[in-house]
């Protein structure tokens, strides 16, 4: 009787064409009211010797049926997966759908715009390492040991170098200016775009951000050249021909004299609009390169002079493209990038408009 039951159940298992049919066979054999379960419950009415013998035989049948079910389930799962993979196959030779087209991040686009504008003025791009020594990041820029910018609450300090030199994540791209002056002879005309790092995080600050700094060193450069350069840049970048530009006296340890630069704007109805509207917005700092900086960079300050200025790339991108929160630049939200991103073929140039 048990042999016939086992044969019948094994045949039903083998005949199950899918996982649902196999589950029906399992319930019919091993469920609460299954045939084997019912026989197991009936053992209680037998004498001890018969119960022992029949129980052992039932357990053998039960184990064989359960094992057969698991083997068949694994095989059916493989078949189901193969069918699913075949039905969900993607033809990678098909053209990309328009909605899947990649876009250029606003930071990358803005950096390309900066390069295009300054290239028209004769500047070349210079680069340097993100991890800098104390000399390049602070000392050569005329920052004394007690300067606030050196404090831990502003600067990310790293373990010292093998020679004991203090190392930091650069807090600005000014070290690129120092490295350039140490390796090149004047005349020098460079811009240094890149990542910088400071310990801060809110709507207008992030621990990692981007800056661009410019440096000109020669025998004749003066404050008038600095003003003209910045004014031309602001009007080209923001595409406002009559954009007012104002210089206010300020202080930076690496320039003397120093100035903060404001551009004209209007703040009405909670919106910011750039142009000649009577209000002002600060966007960057600048000045004539301090003679001590020139001297520490190996350039004779009695013969050469120059100017430098720097600005946050996220900040000017926010102003130009109406992006309200700095943190969204780094949140990797594809919906945000689809809204603010640029078409890959939209290459910035001065002739056709930066960021057009």
C-alpha atoms as a PDB file:
ATOM      1  CA  UNK A   1       0.000   0.000   0.000  1.00  0.00           C
ATOM      2  CA  UNK A   2       2.770   2.439   0.921  1.00  0.00           C
ATOM      3  CA  UNK A   3       4.762   1.533  -2.197  1.00  0.00           C
ATOM      4  CA  UNK A   4       1.744   2.258  -4.378  1.00  0.00           C
ATOM      5  CA  UNK A   5       1.174   5.596  -2.596  1.00  0.00           C
ATOM      6  CA  UNK A   6       4.833   6.567  -2.994  1.00  0.00           C
ATOM      7  CA  UNK A   7       4.794   5.689  -6.689  1.00  0.00           C
ATOM      8  CA  UNK A   8       1.614   7.680  -7.255  1.00  0.00           C
ATOM      9  CA  UNK A   9       2.932  10.742  -5.444  1.00  0.00           C
ATOM     10  CA  UNK A  10       6.316  10.662  -7.186  1.00  0.00           C
ATOM     11  CA  UNK A  11       4.554  10.442 -10.561  1.00  0.00           C
ATOM     12  CA  UNK A  12       2.371  13.434  -9.633  1.00  0.00           C
ATOM     13  CA  UNK A  13       5.470  15.382  -8.614  1.00  0.00           C
ATOM     14  CA  UNK A  14       7.225  14.602 -11.879  1.00  0.00           C
ATOM     15  CA  UNK A  15       4.121  15.577 -13.847  1.00  0.00           C
ATOM     16  CA  UNK A  16       3.753  19.010 -12.168  1.00  0.00           C
ATOM     17  CA  UNK A  17       4.232  21.541 -14.941  1.00  0.00           C
ATOM     18  CA  UNK A  18       4.748  24.650 -12.818  1.00  0.00           C
ATOM     19  CA  UNK A  19       5.307  25.767  -9.249  1.00  0.00           C
ATOM     20  CA  UNK A  20       1.584  26.180  -8.577  1.00  0.00           C
ATOM     21  CA  UNK A  21       0.819  22.595  -9.648  1.00  0.00           C
ATOM     22  CA  UNK A  22       3.727  21.313  -7.557  1.00  0.00           C
ATOM     23  CA  UNK A  23       2.399  23.169  -4.519  1.00  0.00           C
ATOM     24  CA  UNK A  24      -0.971  21.436  -5.002  1.00  0.00           C
ATOM     25  CA  UNK A  25       0.793  18.050  -4.972  1.00  0.00           C
ATOM     26  CA  UNK A  26       2.686  18.979  -1.799  1.00  0.00           C
ATOM     27  CA  UNK A  27      -0.469  20.015   0.018  1.00  0.00           C
ATOM     28  CA  UNK A  28      -2.271  16.832  -1.112  1.00  0.00           C
ATOM     29  CA  UNK A  29       0.577  14.690   0.227  1.00  0.00           C
ATOM     30  CA  UNK A  30       2.085  16.558   3.174  1.00  0.00           C
ATOM     31  CA  UNK A  31      -0.434  19.238   4.111  1.00  0.00           C
ATOM     32  CA  UNK A  32      -2.517  19.203   7.279  1.00  0.00           C
ATOM     33  CA  UNK A  33      -5.083  16.986   5.560  1.00  0.00           C
ATOM     34  CA  UNK A  34      -2.630  15.323   3.164  1.00  0.00           C
ATOM     35  CA  UNK A  35      -2.597  11.640   2.508  1.00  0.00           C
ATOM     36  CA  UNK A  36       0.698  10.954   4.272  1.00  0.00           C
ATOM     37  CA  UNK A  37      -0.246  13.233   7.161  1.00  0.00           C
ATOM     38  CA  UNK A  38      -3.537  11.357   7.598  1.00  0.00           C
ATOM     39  CA  UNK A  39      -1.708   8.028   7.725  1.00  0.00           C
ATOM     40  CA  UNK A  40       0.708   9.451  10.295  1.00  0.00           C
ATOM     41  CA  UNK A  41      -2.201  10.531  12.493  1.00  0.00           C
ATOM     42  CA  UNK A  42      -3.705   7.017  12.325  1.00  0.00           C
ATOM     43  CA  UNK A  43      -0.588   5.488  13.919  1.00  0.00           C
ATOM     44  CA  UNK A  44      -1.925   6.307  17.362  1.00  0.00           C
ATOM     45  CA  UNK A  45      -4.569   3.558  17.093  1.00  0.00           C
ATOM     46  CA  UNK A  46      -2.053   0.772  16.428  1.00  0.00           C
ATOM     47  CA  UNK A  47      -0.231  -1.436  18.931  1.00  0.00           C
ATOM     48  CA  UNK A  48       3.310  -0.446  19.845  1.00  0.00           C
ATOM     49  CA  UNK A  49       5.141  -2.923  17.644  1.00  0.00           C
ATOM     50  CA  UNK A  50       2.983  -2.259  14.564  1.00  0.00           C
ATOM     51  CA  UNK A  51       3.137   1.520  15.193  1.00  0.00           C
ATOM     52  CA  UNK A  52       6.918   1.418  15.300  1.00  0.00           C
ATOM     53  CA  UNK A  53       7.232  -0.588  12.100  1.00  0.00           C
ATOM     54  CA  UNK A  54       4.607   1.361  10.130  1.00  0.00           C
ATOM     55  CA  UNK A  55       5.833   4.697  11.416  1.00  0.00           C
ATOM     56  CA  UNK A  56       9.356   3.983  10.181  1.00  0.00           C
ATOM     57  CA  UNK A  57       8.017   3.008   6.757  1.00  0.00           C
ATOM     58  CA  UNK A  58       5.840   6.152   6.580  1.00  0.00           C
ATOM     59  CA  UNK A  59       8.802   8.377   7.497  1.00  0.00           C
ATOM     60  CA  UNK A  60      10.820   6.870   4.651  1.00  0.00           C
ATOM     61  CA  UNK A  61       8.011   7.592   2.184  1.00  0.00           C
ATOM     62  CA  UNK A  62       7.522  11.086   3.629  1.00  0.00           C
ATOM     63  CA  UNK A  63      11.233  11.928   3.304  1.00  0.00           C
ATOM     64  CA  UNK A  64      11.429  10.613  -0.275  1.00  0.00           C
ATOM     65  CA  UNK A  65       8.349  12.586  -1.303  1.00  0.00           C
ATOM     66  CA  UNK A  66       9.624  15.773   0.380  1.00  0.00           C
ATOM     67  CA  UNK A  67      13.022  15.414  -1.291  1.00  0.00           C
ATOM     68  CA  UNK A  68      11.418  14.815  -4.682  1.00  0.00           C
ATOM     69  CA  UNK A  69       9.303  17.937  -4.221  1.00  0.00           C
ATOM     70  CA  UNK A  70      12.379  20.082  -3.455  1.00  0.00           C
ATOM     71  CA  UNK A  71      14.267  18.713  -6.460  1.00  0.00           C
ATOM     72  CA  UNK A  72      11.290  19.370  -8.716  1.00  0.00           C
ATOM     73  CA  UNK A  73      10.787  22.858  -7.237  1.00  0.00           C
ATOM     74  CA  UNK A  74      14.404  23.775  -8.002  1.00  0.00           C
ATOM     75  CA  UNK A  75      14.039  22.556 -11.572  1.00  0.00           C
ATOM     76  CA  UNK A  76      10.778  24.461 -12.084  1.00  0.00           C
ATOM     77  CA  UNK A  77      12.345  27.636 -10.637  1.00  0.00           C
ATOM     78  CA  UNK A  78      15.164  27.377 -13.160  1.00  0.00           C
ATOM     79  CA  UNK A  79      12.651  26.955 -15.967  1.00  0.00           C
ATOM     80  CA  UNK A  80      10.583  29.922 -14.713  1.00  0.00           C
ATOM     81  CA  UNK A  81      13.697  32.111 -14.463  1.00  0.00           C
ATOM     82  CA  UNK A  82      14.782  31.164 -17.979  1.00  0.00           C
ATOM     83  CA  UNK A  83      11.326  32.037 -19.319  1.00  0.00           C
ATOM     84  CA  UNK A  84      11.359  35.363 -17.470  1.00  0.00           C
ATOM     85  CA  UNK A  85      14.848  36.267 -18.665  1.00  0.00           C
ATOM     86  CA  UNK A  86      13.873  35.436 -22.212  1.00  0.00           C
ATOM     87  CA  UNK A  87      10.709  37.547 -22.014  1.00  0.00           C
ATOM     88  CA  UNK A  88      12.510  40.518 -20.393  1.00  0.00           C
ATOM     89  CA  UNK A  89      15.464  40.512 -22.734  1.00  0.00           C
ATOM     90  CA  UNK A  90      16.718  43.972 -23.703  1.00  0.00           C
ATOM     91  CA  UNK A  91      18.036  44.613 -27.184  1.00  0.00           C
ATOM     92  CA  UNK A  92      21.113  46.729 -26.460  1.00  0.00           C
ATOM     93  CA  UNK A  93      21.473  47.504 -30.164  1.00  0.00           C
ATOM     94  CA  UNK A  94      18.331  49.639 -30.092  1.00  0.00           C
ATOM     95  CA  UNK A  95      18.847  53.423 -30.077  1.00  0.00           C
ATOM     96  CA  UNK A  96      18.680  55.157 -26.696  1.00  0.00           C
ATOM     97  CA  UNK A  97      15.302  56.641 -25.841  1.00  0.00           C
ATOM     98  CA  UNK A  98      15.326  60.466 -25.662  1.00  0.00           C
ATOM     99  CA  UNK A  99      14.290  60.485 -22.005  1.00  0.00           C
ATOM    100  CA  UNK A 100      17.357  58.406 -21.132  1.00  0.00           C
ATOM    101  CA  UNK A 101      19.817  60.904 -22.610  1.00  0.00           C
ATOM    102  CA  UNK A 102      22.554  61.952 -20.214  1.00  0.00           C
ATOM    103  CA  UNK A 103      22.990  65.580 -19.191  1.00  0.00           C
ATOM    104  CA  UNK A 104      25.943  67.699 -18.122  1.00  0.00           C
ATOM    105  CA  UNK A 105      26.050  68.671 -14.440  1.00  0.00           C
ATOM    106  CA  UNK A 106      25.673  72.456 -13.879  1.00  0.00           C
ATOM    107  CA  UNK A 107      29.064  72.564 -12.117  1.00  0.00           C
ATOM    108  CA  UNK A 108      30.821  71.008 -15.113  1.00  0.00           C
ATOM    109  CA  UNK A 109      28.966  73.334 -17.467  1.00  0.00           C
ATOM    110  CA  UNK A 110      29.812  76.412 -15.398  1.00  0.00           C
ATOM    111  CA  UNK A 111      33.497  75.454 -15.263  1.00  0.00           C
ATOM    112  CA  UNK A 112      33.495  75.117 -19.052  1.00  0.00           C
ATOM    113  CA  UNK A 113      31.864  78.539 -19.301  1.00  0.00           C
ATOM    114  CA  UNK A 114      34.569  80.045 -17.079  1.00  0.00           C
ATOM    115  CA  UNK A 115      37.332  78.495 -19.152  1.00  0.00           C
ATOM    116  CA  UNK A 116      35.751  79.756 -22.384  1.00  0.00           C
ATOM    117  CA  UNK A 117      35.455  83.341 -21.118  1.00  0.00           C
ATOM    118  CA  UNK A 118      38.921  83.552 -19.586  1.00  0.00           C
ATOM    119  CA  UNK A 119      40.518  81.838 -22.585  1.00  0.00           C
ATOM    120  CA  UNK A 120      39.301  84.801 -24.663  1.00  0.00           C
ATOM    121  CA  UNK A 121      41.252  87.027 -22.251  1.00  0.00           C
ATOM    122  CA  UNK A 122      44.447  85.033 -22.699  1.00  0.00           C
ATOM    123  CA  UNK A 123      44.326  82.923 -19.522  1.00  0.00           C
ATOM    124  CA  UNK A 124      45.405  79.282 -19.400  1.00  0.00           C
ATOM    125  CA  UNK A 125      44.164  76.614 -16.992  1.00  0.00           C
ATOM    126  CA  UNK A 126      46.481  75.464 -14.185  1.00  0.00           C
ATOM    127  CA  UNK A 127      45.930  72.546 -11.822  1.00  0.00           C
ATOM    128  CA  UNK A 128      47.268  71.233  -8.520  1.00  0.00           C
ATOM    129  CA  UNK A 129      46.718  68.472  -5.930  1.00  0.00           C
ATOM    130  CA  UNK A 130      43.712  68.359  -3.596  1.00  0.00           C
ATOM    131  CA  UNK A 131      45.977  67.350  -0.689  1.00  0.00           C
ATOM    132  CA  UNK A 132      48.339  70.215   0.069  1.00  0.00           C
ATOM    133  CA  UNK A 133      51.168  70.981   2.443  1.00  0.00           C
ATOM    134  CA  UNK A 134      50.945  73.753   5.015  1.00  0.00           C
ATOM    135  CA  UNK A 135      53.407  75.883   3.042  1.00  0.00           C
ATOM    136  CA  UNK A 136      51.372  76.019  -0.166  1.00  0.00           C
ATOM    137  CA  UNK A 137      47.962  76.308   1.520  1.00  0.00           C
ATOM    138  CA  UNK A 138      48.842  78.839   4.241  1.00  0.00           C
ATOM    139  CA  UNK A 139      52.438  80.006   4.744  1.00  0.00           C
ATOM    140  CA  UNK A 140      53.252  81.080   1.175  1.00  0.00           C
ATOM    141  CA  UNK A 141      49.946  82.979   1.109  1.00  0.00           C
ATOM    142  CA  UNK A 142      51.082  85.213   3.978  1.00  0.00           C
ATOM    143  CA  UNK A 143      48.884  83.528   6.603  1.00  0.00           C
ATOM    144  CA  UNK A 144      50.536  83.612  10.032  1.00  0.00           C
ATOM    145  CA  UNK A 145      50.364  80.607  12.391  1.00  0.00           C
ATOM    146  CA  UNK A 146      47.560  82.192  14.434  1.00  0.00           C
ATOM    147  CA  UNK A 147      45.347  82.936  11.385  1.00  0.00           C
ATOM    148  CA  UNK A 148      41.726  81.728  11.881  1.00  0.00           C
ATOM    149  CA  UNK A 149      41.742  79.866   8.570  1.00  0.00           C
ATOM    150  CA  UNK A 150      44.281  77.428  10.032  1.00  0.00           C
ATOM    151  CA  UNK A 151      41.986  76.346  12.856  1.00  0.00           C
ATOM    152  CA  UNK A 152      40.537  72.846  13.009  1.00  0.00           C
ATOM    153  CA  UNK A 153      36.946  74.100  12.807  1.00  0.00           C
ATOM    154  CA  UNK A 154      37.565  75.353   9.256  1.00  0.00           C
ATOM    155  CA  UNK A 155      40.226  73.020   7.876  1.00  0.00           C
ATOM    156  CA  UNK A 156      40.373  69.261   7.286  1.00  0.00           C
ATOM    157  CA  UNK A 157      43.783  68.199   8.620  1.00  0.00           C
ATOM    158  CA  UNK A 158      45.328  64.907   7.479  1.00  0.00           C
ATOM    159  CA  UNK A 159      48.067  62.771   9.069  1.00  0.00           C
ATOM    160  CA  UNK A 160      51.494  64.401   8.558  1.00  0.00           C
ATOM    161  CA  UNK A 161      53.613  63.475   5.567  1.00  0.00           C
ATOM    162  CA  UNK A 162      56.625  61.153   5.957  1.00  0.00           C
ATOM    163  CA  UNK A 163      58.882  64.186   6.422  1.00  0.00           C
ATOM    164  CA  UNK A 164      56.624  65.543   9.193  1.00  0.00           C
ATOM    165  CA  UNK A 165      55.043  68.291   7.066  1.00  0.00           C
ATOM    166  CA  UNK A 166      51.481  69.231   7.974  1.00  0.00           C
ATOM    167  CA  UNK A 167      48.981  68.164   5.301  1.00  0.00           C
ATOM    168  CA  UNK A 168      45.445  69.422   4.661  1.00  0.00           C
ATOM    169  CA  UNK A 169      42.655  69.146   2.139  1.00  0.00           C
ATOM    170  CA  UNK A 170      43.170  72.439   0.331  1.00  0.00           C
ATOM    171  CA  UNK A 171      40.811  75.151   1.561  1.00  0.00           C
ATOM    172  CA  UNK A 172      41.084  77.142  -1.684  1.00  0.00           C
ATOM    173  CA  UNK A 173      42.755  76.834  -5.082  1.00  0.00           C
ATOM    174  CA  UNK A 174      45.300  79.529  -4.199  1.00  0.00           C
ATOM    175  CA  UNK A 175      48.046  76.880  -3.714  1.00  0.00           C
ATOM    176  CA  UNK A 176      47.903  76.415  -7.492  1.00  0.00           C
ATOM    177  CA  UNK A 177      48.975  80.053  -7.832  1.00  0.00           C
ATOM    178  CA  UNK A 178      51.960  79.447  -5.525  1.00  0.00           C
ATOM    179  CA  UNK A 179      52.999  76.302  -7.405  1.00  0.00           C
ATOM    180  CA  UNK A 180      52.732  78.171 -10.706  1.00  0.00           C
ATOM    181  CA  UNK A 181      54.850  81.098  -9.534  1.00  0.00           C
ATOM    182  CA  UNK A 182      57.494  78.719  -8.145  1.00  0.00           C
ATOM    183  CA  UNK A 183      57.817  76.865 -11.453  1.00  0.00           C
ATOM    184  CA  UNK A 184      57.155  79.564 -14.067  1.00  0.00           C
ATOM    185  CA  UNK A 185      58.720  82.928 -14.762  1.00  0.00           C
ATOM    186  CA  UNK A 186      56.537  85.992 -15.388  1.00  0.00           C
ATOM    187  CA  UNK A 187      54.532  86.960 -17.335  1.00  0.00           C
ATOM    188  CA  UNK A 188      51.926  84.644 -15.813  1.00  0.00           C
ATOM    189  CA  UNK A 189      48.220  84.569 -16.616  1.00  0.00           C
ATOM    190  CA  UNK A 190      46.331  81.554 -15.258  1.00  0.00           C
ATOM    191  CA  UNK A 191      43.005  80.440 -13.854  1.00  0.00           C
ATOM    192  CA  UNK A 192      42.802  77.565 -11.365  1.00  0.00           C
ATOM    193  CA  UNK A 193      39.384  75.876 -11.182  1.00  0.00           C
ATOM    194  CA  UNK A 194      38.969  72.873  -8.898  1.00  0.00           C
ATOM    195  CA  UNK A 195      37.622  71.247  -5.743  1.00  0.00           C
ATOM    196  CA  UNK A 196      38.200  72.747  -2.320  1.00  0.00           C
ATOM    197  CA  UNK A 197      37.278  71.603   1.187  1.00  0.00           C
ATOM    198  CA  UNK A 198      36.104  73.296   4.388  1.00  0.00           C
ATOM    199  CA  UNK A 199      34.316  72.033   7.473  1.00  0.00           C
ATOM    200  CA  UNK A 200      30.881  73.572   6.924  1.00  0.00           C
ATOM    201  CA  UNK A 201      27.418  72.424   5.801  1.00  0.00           C
ATOM    202  CA  UNK A 202      24.165  74.352   5.286  1.00  0.00           C
ATOM    203  CA  UNK A 203      22.095  75.874   2.455  1.00  0.00           C
ATOM    204  CA  UNK A 204      25.037  77.962   1.243  1.00  0.00           C
ATOM    205  CA  UNK A 205      28.024  75.831   2.363  1.00  0.00           C
ATOM    206  CA  UNK A 206      29.163  72.260   1.767  1.00  0.00           C
ATOM    207  CA  UNK A 207      32.277  70.397   2.997  1.00  0.00           C
ATOM    208  CA  UNK A 208      33.415  70.012  -0.617  1.00  0.00           C
ATOM    209  CA  UNK A 209      32.837  72.754  -3.169  1.00  0.00           C
ATOM    210  CA  UNK A 210      34.466  74.296  -6.230  1.00  0.00           C
ATOM    211  CA  UNK A 211      36.395  77.509  -6.718  1.00  0.00           C
ATOM    212  CA  UNK A 212      38.097  79.272  -9.569  1.00  0.00           C
ATOM    213  CA  UNK A 213      40.959  81.660  -8.936  1.00  0.00           C
ATOM    214  CA  UNK A 214      42.822  83.844 -11.385  1.00  0.00           C
ATOM    215  CA  UNK A 215      46.374  85.161 -11.258  1.00  0.00           C
ATOM    216  CA  UNK A 216      48.205  87.684 -13.417  1.00  0.00           C
ATOM    217  CA  UNK A 217      51.843  88.621 -12.777  1.00  0.00           C
ATOM    218  CA  UNK A 218      53.951  90.880 -14.986  1.00  0.00           C
ATOM    219  CA  UNK A 219      55.802  94.213 -14.872  1.00  0.00           C
ATOM    220  CA  UNK A 220      52.928  96.547 -15.760  1.00  0.00           C
ATOM    221  CA  UNK A 221      49.677  95.125 -14.363  1.00  0.00           C
ATOM    222  CA  UNK A 222      47.755  97.447 -12.048  1.00  0.00           C
ATOM    223  CA  UNK A 223      44.408  97.767 -10.244  1.00  0.00           C
ATOM    224  CA  UNK A 224      42.726  99.167 -13.347  1.00  0.00           C
ATOM    225  CA  UNK A 225      43.484  95.953 -15.236  1.00  0.00           C
ATOM    226  CA  UNK A 226      41.975  93.959 -12.366  1.00  0.00           C
ATOM    227  CA  UNK A 227      38.790  96.005 -12.451  1.00  0.00           C
ATOM    228  CA  UNK A 228      38.449  95.706 -16.208  1.00  0.00           C
ATOM    229  CA  UNK A 229      39.062  91.961 -16.168  1.00  0.00           C
ATOM    230  CA  UNK A 230      36.445  91.278 -13.492  1.00  0.00           C
ATOM    231  CA  UNK A 231      33.884  93.649 -15.030  1.00  0.00           C
ATOM    232  CA  UNK A 232      34.243  92.029 -18.461  1.00  0.00           C
ATOM    233  CA  UNK A 233      33.962  88.561 -16.935  1.00  0.00           C
ATOM    234  CA  UNK A 234      30.820  89.344 -14.922  1.00  0.00           C
ATOM    235  CA  UNK A 235      29.034  90.899 -17.895  1.00  0.00           C
ATOM    236  CA  UNK A 236      29.966  88.008 -20.175  1.00  0.00           C
ATOM    237  CA  UNK A 237      29.110  85.261 -17.686  1.00  0.00           C
ATOM    238  CA  UNK A 238      25.781  86.687 -16.527  1.00  0.00           C
ATOM    239  CA  UNK A 239      24.999  87.958 -20.054  1.00  0.00           C
ATOM    240  CA  UNK A 240      24.082  91.449 -18.836  1.00  0.00           C
ATOM    241  CA  UNK A 241      25.844  94.117 -20.918  1.00  0.00           C
ATOM    242  CA  UNK A 242      25.261  96.981 -18.484  1.00  0.00           C
ATOM    243  CA  UNK A 243      25.752  94.970 -15.273  1.00  0.00           C
ATOM    244  CA  UNK A 244      27.085  97.377 -12.612  1.00  0.00           C
ATOM    245  CA  UNK A 245      30.245  96.224 -10.829  1.00  0.00           C
ATOM    246  CA  UNK A 246      31.358  97.800  -7.540  1.00  0.00           C
ATOM    247  CA  UNK A 247      34.648  97.384  -5.651  1.00  0.00           C
ATOM    248  CA  UNK A 248      34.718  97.823  -1.854  1.00  0.00           C
ATOM    249  CA  UNK A 249      37.934  97.954   0.232  1.00  0.00           C
ATOM    250  CA  UNK A 250      38.539  94.742   2.168  1.00  0.00           C
ATOM    251  CA  UNK A 251      41.369  92.666   3.624  1.00  0.00           C
ATOM    252  CA  UNK A 252      42.968  89.385   2.572  1.00  0.00           C
ATOM    253  CA  UNK A 253      46.409  88.304   3.799  1.00  0.00           C
ATOM    254  CA  UNK A 254      47.604  87.431   0.276  1.00  0.00           C
ATOM    255  CA  UNK A 255      46.609  90.680  -1.507  1.00  0.00           C
ATOM    256  CA  UNK A 256      47.273  94.359  -0.850  1.00  0.00           C
ATOM    257  CA  UNK A 257      45.225  96.376  -1.579  1.00  0.00           C
ATOM    258  CA  UNK A 258      42.224  94.041  -1.386  1.00  0.00           C
ATOM    259  CA  UNK A 259      38.608  94.443  -2.412  1.00  0.00           C
ATOM    260  CA  UNK A 260      35.218  92.745  -2.338  1.00  0.00           C
ATOM    261  CA  UNK A 261      33.324  92.865  -5.628  1.00  0.00           C
ATOM    262  CA  UNK A 262      29.566  93.479  -5.835  1.00  0.00           C
ATOM    263  CA  UNK A 263      27.291  93.270  -8.853  1.00  0.00           C
ATOM    264  CA  UNK A 264      24.019  95.105  -9.385  1.00  0.00           C
ATOM    265  CA  UNK A 265      20.753  93.355  -8.578  1.00  0.00           C
ATOM    266  CA  UNK A 266      17.162  93.746  -7.431  1.00  0.00           C
ATOM    267  CA  UNK A 267      15.440  91.913  -4.572  1.00  0.00           C
ATOM    268  CA  UNK A 268      11.707  92.190  -5.032  1.00  0.00           C
ATOM    269  CA  UNK A 269       8.937  89.726  -4.302  1.00  0.00           C
ATOM    270  CA  UNK A 270      11.385  87.205  -2.912  1.00  0.00           C
ATOM    271  CA  UNK A 271      13.254  86.980  -6.229  1.00  0.00           C
ATOM    272  CA  UNK A 272      16.786  88.029  -7.151  1.00  0.00           C
ATOM    273  CA  UNK A 273      17.369  89.670 -10.524  1.00  0.00           C
ATOM    274  CA  UNK A 274      20.772  90.780 -11.791  1.00  0.00           C
ATOM    275  CA  UNK A 275      21.186  94.112 -13.520  1.00  0.00           C
ATOM    276  CA  UNK A 276      21.194  97.872 -12.974  1.00  0.00           C
ATOM    277  CA  UNK A 277      18.425  98.003 -10.362  1.00  0.00           C
ATOM    278  CA  UNK A 278      20.065  99.943  -7.505  1.00  0.00           C
ATOM    279  CA  UNK A 279      20.849  97.072  -5.112  1.00  0.00           C
ATOM    280  CA  UNK A 280      24.099  95.096  -4.717  1.00  0.00           C
ATOM    281  CA  UNK A 281      25.225  91.486  -4.242  1.00  0.00           C
ATOM    282  CA  UNK A 282      28.746  90.410  -3.226  1.00  0.00           C
ATOM    283  CA  UNK A 283      30.207  87.669  -5.446  1.00  0.00           C
ATOM    284  CA  UNK A 284      34.017  87.534  -5.068  1.00  0.00           C
ATOM    285  CA  UNK A 285      37.200  88.834  -3.461  1.00  0.00           C
ATOM    286  CA  UNK A 286      40.241  90.231  -5.241  1.00  0.00           C
ATOM    287  CA  UNK A 287      43.316  92.411  -4.943  1.00  0.00           C
ATOM    288  CA  UNK A 288      46.888  93.069  -5.985  1.00  0.00           C
ATOM    289  CA  UNK A 289      49.205  90.192  -5.083  1.00  0.00           C
ATOM    290  CA  UNK A 290      50.964  90.931  -1.775  1.00  0.00           C
ATOM    291  CA  UNK A 291      54.719  91.543  -2.207  1.00  0.00           C
ATOM    292  CA  UNK A 292      55.450  88.923   0.472  1.00  0.00           C
ATOM    293  CA  UNK A 293      53.570  86.308  -1.557  1.00  0.00           C
ATOM    294  CA  UNK A 294      55.610  87.184  -4.623  1.00  0.00           C
ATOM    295  CA  UNK A 295      58.821  87.004  -2.610  1.00  0.00           C
ATOM    296  CA  UNK A 296      57.987  83.615  -1.021  1.00  0.00           C
ATOM    297  CA  UNK A 297      57.164  82.334  -4.524  1.00  0.00           C
ATOM    298  CA  UNK A 298      60.580  83.305  -5.857  1.00  0.00           C
ATOM    299  CA  UNK A 299      59.470  86.416  -7.797  1.00  0.00           C
ATOM    300  CA  UNK A 300      61.150  89.799  -7.316  1.00  0.00           C
ATOM    301  CA  UNK A 301      58.429  92.136  -5.901  1.00  0.00           C
ATOM    302  CA  UNK A 302      60.493  95.210  -6.814  1.00  0.00           C
ATOM    303  CA  UNK A 303      60.213  94.305 -10.500  1.00  0.00           C
ATOM    304  CA  UNK A 304      56.924  92.415 -10.806  1.00  0.00           C
ATOM    305  CA  UNK A 305      53.388  92.917  -9.557  1.00  0.00           C
ATOM    306  CA  UNK A 306      50.065  91.341 -10.340  1.00  0.00           C
ATOM    307  CA  UNK A 307      46.479  90.748  -9.338  1.00  0.00           C
ATOM    308  CA  UNK A 308      44.431  87.776  -8.172  1.00  0.00           C
ATOM    309  CA  UNK A 309      40.783  87.039  -7.540  1.00  0.00           C
ATOM    310  CA  UNK A 310      38.645  84.044  -6.680  1.00  0.00           C
ATOM    311  CA  UNK A 311      35.006  82.988  -6.498  1.00  0.00           C
ATOM    312  CA  UNK A 312      32.857  79.997  -5.640  1.00  0.00           C
ATOM    313  CA  UNK A 313      31.665  78.163  -8.745  1.00  0.00           C
ATOM    314  CA  UNK A 314      28.513  76.849  -7.066  1.00  0.00           C
ATOM    315  CA  UNK A 315      27.637  80.382  -5.962  1.00  0.00           C
ATOM    316  CA  UNK A 316      27.812  81.938  -9.418  1.00  0.00           C
ATOM    317  CA  UNK A 317      26.015  78.921 -10.920  1.00  0.00           C
ATOM    318  CA  UNK A 318      23.210  79.377  -8.381  1.00  0.00           C
ATOM    319  CA  UNK A 319      22.930  83.054  -9.306  1.00  0.00           C
ATOM    320  CA  UNK A 320      22.918  82.459 -13.049  1.00  0.00           C
ATOM    321  CA  UNK A 321      20.605  79.436 -13.169  1.00  0.00           C
ATOM    322  CA  UNK A 322      18.312  80.160 -10.209  1.00  0.00           C
ATOM    323  CA  UNK A 323      19.341  77.179  -8.052  1.00  0.00           C
ATOM    324  CA  UNK A 324      18.169  77.890  -4.470  1.00  0.00           C
ATOM    325  CA  UNK A 325      20.086  75.336  -2.360  1.00  0.00           C
ATOM    326  CA  UNK A 326      23.807  74.594  -2.648  1.00  0.00           C
ATOM    327  CA  UNK A 327      23.440  71.077  -1.202  1.00  0.00           C
ATOM    328  CA  UNK A 328      21.379  69.856  -4.151  1.00  0.00           C
ATOM    329  CA  UNK A 329      24.486  70.028  -6.352  1.00  0.00           C
ATOM    330  CA  UNK A 330      25.801  66.904  -4.592  1.00  0.00           C
ATOM    331  CA  UNK A 331      22.674  64.839  -3.823  1.00  0.00           C
ATOM    332  CA  UNK A 332      22.754  62.822  -7.092  1.00  0.00           C
ATOM    333  CA  UNK A 333      19.027  63.340  -7.696  1.00  0.00           C
ATOM    334  CA  UNK A 334      18.404  62.492 -11.349  1.00  0.00           C
ATOM    335  CA  UNK A 335      15.198  64.541 -11.352  1.00  0.00           C
ATOM    336  CA  UNK A 336      17.182  67.617 -10.266  1.00  0.00           C
ATOM    337  CA  UNK A 337      19.865  66.949 -12.877  1.00  0.00           C
ATOM    338  CA  UNK A 338      17.221  66.495 -15.588  1.00  0.00           C
ATOM    339  CA  UNK A 339      15.793  69.906 -14.668  1.00  0.00           C
ATOM    340  CA  UNK A 340      19.066  71.843 -14.312  1.00  0.00           C
ATOM    341  CA  UNK A 341      21.368  69.729 -16.502  1.00  0.00           C
ATOM    342  CA  UNK A 342      22.718  70.700 -19.917  1.00  0.00           C
ATOM    343  CA  UNK A 343      22.601  68.932 -23.260  1.00  0.00           C
ATOM    344  CA  UNK A 344      26.034  67.356 -23.979  1.00  0.00           C
ATOM    345  CA  UNK A 345      26.331  69.232 -27.290  1.00  0.00           C
ATOM    346  CA  UNK A 346      25.655  72.579 -25.574  1.00  0.00           C
ATOM    347  CA  UNK A 347      29.329  73.513 -25.487  1.00  0.00           C
ATOM    348  CA  UNK A 348      29.974  76.946 -23.911  1.00  0.00           C
ATOM    349  CA  UNK A 349      31.803  79.546 -25.951  1.00  0.00           C
ATOM    350  CA  UNK A 350      31.869  83.322 -25.977  1.00  0.00           C
ATOM    351  CA  UNK A 351      30.834  83.650 -29.623  1.00  0.00           C
ATOM    352  CA  UNK A 352      27.516  81.822 -29.118  1.00  0.00           C
ATOM    353  CA  UNK A 353      27.010  82.713 -25.457  1.00  0.00           C
ATOM    354  CA  UNK A 354      28.342  80.905 -22.416  1.00  0.00           C
ATOM    355  CA  UNK A 355      25.735  78.442 -21.214  1.00  0.00           C
ATOM    356  CA  UNK A 356      23.393  79.228 -24.121  1.00  0.00           C
END
